[in-house]
Amino acid sequence: MLYIRRLQQSVERLSKENRMLRKQHFVVGEMVIKLMNTDLLRLQQSWKDILVEIRSIFLKLQEQGFSPEYMRPWRAHWDRQLYKALECQYELGLEVLSEHLPEMRIDLVYRNGCLQFRPPIEEVRSKYYNQMKNSFPYLYFSKE
């Protein structure tokens, strides 16, 4: 009888932990989905805040006694999902960026037996980066 009671208590404890972990998994998933729909260029602080929340979930679970070693595969899974969200927003940001910058005229000329850009490619790059910086100052992350 004592064995059965201890077994039932263990099953209840494991079920409770499993429900709690599933809930946290769902919460992190919702946050990652939110990041996929959050403009990285214009809402950097929102991104940072959500990442801090996700990290705090992992820390709370460790404080509750879950082993960081056992959590490693789970964290790796969420790291990959965060990478996908970051990649998605980065690609969207590049599309928006190129749509909003003014056009630059670049000629391709044949001079002295070779093809050259006019203006030179270094000048084009410099002008392009300056336009990017002036048009989208929030694109440049602060060093925090």
Foldseek 3Di string as FASTA:
>chain_A
DVVVVVVVVVVVVVVVVVVVVVVLLVVLVVLLVVLLVDQCQPPVVSVVVSVVVNVVSVVVVVVVPDDPVVCVVVVVVSVVSNVVSVVNNVVVVVVVLVVPFDDDDWDWDQDPNDIAIVVHPVVVVVVSVVSSCVVRVSNDDDDD
